Amino acid sequence: MAIPTIEKREEYVGYAEHCVKLARQTKDPESRRILREMAAEWLKLVDKTYH
């Protein structure tokens, strides 16, 4: 199993931030919900892997 790196952590956080940014820009409520859920999953992965 590979050792998680800080670069990967930052990448995952960046994905979450991007999802939140897109959610703020969309007018579609369903898309907004899905993007927020995706952001939450990226952050769960960060928490699970790096804590």
N, C-alpha and C. Protein backbone atom coordinates (compact mmCIF):
# COMPACT_ATOMS: atom_id res chain seq x y z
N MET A 1 0.85 -1.19 0.00
CA MET A 1 0.00 0.00 0.00
C MET A 1 0.89 1.25 0.00
N ALA A 2 0.54 2.20 -0.82
CA ALA A 2 1.32 3.43 -0.93
C ALA A 2 1.11 4.32 0.29
N ILE A 3 2.13 5.03 0.64
CA ILE A 3 2.04 5.98 1.76
C ILE A 3 1.42 7.27 1.24
N PRO A 4 0.37 7.76 1.88
CA PRO A 4 -0.26 9.01 1.44
C PRO A 4 0.71 10.18 1.55
N THR A 5 0.66 11.05 0.61
CA THR A 5 1.55 12.22 0.62
C THR A 5 0.75 13.49 0.87
N ILE A 6 1.48 14.49 1.30
CA ILE A 6 0.86 15.82 1.50
C ILE A 6 0.31 16.34 0.18
N GLU A 7 1.00 16.04 -0.92
CA GLU A 7 0.54 16.51 -2.22
C GLU A 7 -0.83 15.91 -2.56
N LYS A 8 -1.02 14.63 -2.25
CA LYS A 8 -2.32 14.00 -2.49
C LYS A 8 -3.40 14.62 -1.61
N ARG A 9 -3.04 14.88 -0.36
CA ARG A 9 -4.00 15.52 0.55
C ARG A 9 -4.46 16.85 -0.03
N GLU A 10 -3.49 17.65 -0.48
CA GLU A 10 -3.82 18.96 -1.06
C GLU A 10 -4.65 18.81 -2.33
N GLU A 11 -4.37 17.77 -3.10
CA GLU A 11 -5.14 17.50 -4.31
C GLU A 11 -6.59 17.20 -3.96
N TYR A 12 -6.81 16.35 -2.95
CA TYR A 12 -8.17 15.99 -2.55
C TYR A 12 -8.92 17.21 -2.01
N VAL A 13 -8.25 18.01 -1.20
CA VAL A 13 -8.87 19.23 -0.68
C VAL A 13 -9.22 20.16 -1.84
N GLY A 14 -8.34 20.24 -2.82
CA GLY A 14 -8.59 21.06 -4.00
C GLY A 14 -9.83 20.59 -4.76
N TYR A 15 -10.00 19.27 -4.87
CA TYR A 15 -11.20 18.75 -5.52
C TYR A 15 -12.45 19.17 -4.76
N ALA A 16 -12.39 19.08 -3.45
CA ALA A 16 -13.54 19.48 -2.63
C ALA A 16 -13.84 20.96 -2.82
N GLU A 17 -12.80 21.78 -2.82
CA GLU A 17 -12.99 23.22 -3.01
C GLU A 17 -13.60 23.52 -4.37
N HIS A 18 -13.16 22.78 -5.38
CA HIS A 18 -13.68 22.98 -6.73
C HIS A 18 -15.17 22.62 -6.78
N CYS A 19 -15.55 21.53 -6.13
CA CYS A 19 -16.96 21.14 -6.08
C CYS A 19 -17.80 22.22 -5.42
N VAL A 20 -17.31 22.78 -4.33
CA VAL A 20 -18.04 23.84 -3.63
C VAL A 20 -18.16 25.07 -4.53
N LYS A 21 -17.10 25.41 -5.22
CA LYS A 21 -17.12 26.56 -6.13
C LYS A 21 -18.17 26.36 -7.22
N LEU A 22 -18.18 25.17 -7.81
CA LEU A 22 -19.17 24.88 -8.85
C LEU A 22 -20.58 24.91 -8.28
N ALA A 23 -20.76 24.39 -7.07
CA ALA A 23 -22.08 24.39 -6.44
C ALA A 23 -22.60 25.81 -6.24
N ARG A 24 -21.70 26.71 -5.92
CA ARG A 24 -22.11 28.10 -5.72
C ARG A 24 -22.51 28.76 -7.03
N GLN A 25 -21.95 28.28 -8.13
CA GLN A 25 -22.20 28.90 -9.44
C GLN A 25 -23.44 28.38 -10.14
N THR A 26 -23.86 27.17 -9.80
CA THR A 26 -25.00 26.58 -10.50
C THR A 26 -26.32 27.05 -9.92
N LYS A 27 -27.28 27.14 -10.79
CA LYS A 27 -28.62 27.54 -10.35
C LYS A 27 -29.50 26.32 -10.09
N ASP A 28 -29.08 25.16 -10.60
CA ASP A 28 -29.87 23.94 -10.48
C ASP A 28 -29.72 23.33 -9.09
N PRO A 29 -30.80 23.22 -8.34
CA PRO A 29 -30.71 22.71 -6.97
C PRO A 29 -30.16 21.28 -6.88
N GLU A 30 -30.54 20.42 -7.82
CA GLU A 30 -30.07 19.04 -7.79
C GLU A 30 -28.56 18.97 -8.05
N SER A 31 -28.08 19.75 -8.99
CA SER A 31 -26.63 19.80 -9.26
C SER A 31 -25.89 20.34 -8.06
N ARG A 32 -26.44 21.36 -7.44
CA ARG A 32 -25.83 21.95 -6.25
C ARG A 32 -25.72 20.91 -5.12
N ARG A 33 -26.78 20.14 -4.92
CA ARG A 33 -26.78 19.11 -3.89
C ARG A 33 -25.72 18.05 -4.18
N ILE A 34 -25.67 17.60 -5.41
CA ILE A 34 -24.70 16.56 -5.79
C ILE A 34 -23.27 17.07 -5.62
N LEU A 35 -23.01 18.28 -6.04
CA LEU A 35 -21.66 18.85 -5.90
C LEU A 35 -21.26 19.00 -4.43
N ARG A 36 -22.20 19.39 -3.60
CA ARG A 36 -21.90 19.49 -2.16
C ARG A 36 -21.62 18.12 -1.56
N GLU A 37 -22.37 17.13 -2.00
CA GLU A 37 -22.12 15.76 -1.53
C GLU A 37 -20.74 15.28 -1.99
N MET A 38 -20.38 15.60 -3.21
CA MET A 38 -19.06 15.21 -3.73
C MET A 38 -17.96 15.87 -2.89
N ALA A 39 -18.14 17.14 -2.59
CA ALA A 39 -17.15 17.85 -1.77
C ALA A 39 -17.02 17.17 -0.41
N ALA A 40 -18.14 16.81 0.18
CA ALA A 40 -18.11 16.16 1.49
C ALA A 40 -17.39 14.82 1.42
N GLU A 41 -17.59 14.08 0.34
CA GLU A 41 -16.90 12.79 0.19
C GLU A 41 -15.40 12.97 0.04
N TRP A 42 -14.97 13.98 -0.70
CA TRP A 42 -13.52 14.25 -0.82
C TRP A 42 -12.94 14.56 0.55
N LEU A 43 -13.66 15.35 1.34
CA LEU A 43 -13.15 15.71 2.66
C LEU A 43 -13.16 14.51 3.62
N LYS A 44 -14.13 13.62 3.47
CA LYS A 44 -14.13 12.38 4.26
C LYS A 44 -12.90 11.55 3.93
N LEU A 45 -12.57 11.49 2.64
CA LEU A 45 -11.39 10.74 2.22
C LEU A 45 -10.12 11.34 2.83
N VAL A 46 -10.04 12.65 2.84
CA VAL A 46 -8.89 13.32 3.46
C VAL A 46 -8.82 12.96 4.93
N ASP A 47 -9.96 13.07 5.62
CA ASP A 47 -9.99 12.78 7.05
C ASP A 47 -9.61 11.33 7.34
N LYS A 48 -10.15 10.42 6.57
CA LYS A 48 -9.89 9.00 6.76
C LYS A 48 -8.42 8.65 6.47
N THR A 49 -7.86 9.27 5.47
CA THR A 49 -6.50 8.93 5.04
C THR A 49 -5.43 9.64 5.85
N TYR A 50 -5.70 10.84 6.30
CA TYR A 50 -4.64 11.66 6.91
C TYR A 50 -4.82 11.93 8.39
N HIS A 51 -5.80 11.33 9.03
CA HIS A 51 -5.95 11.53 10.47
C HIS A 51 -6.02 10.23 11.21
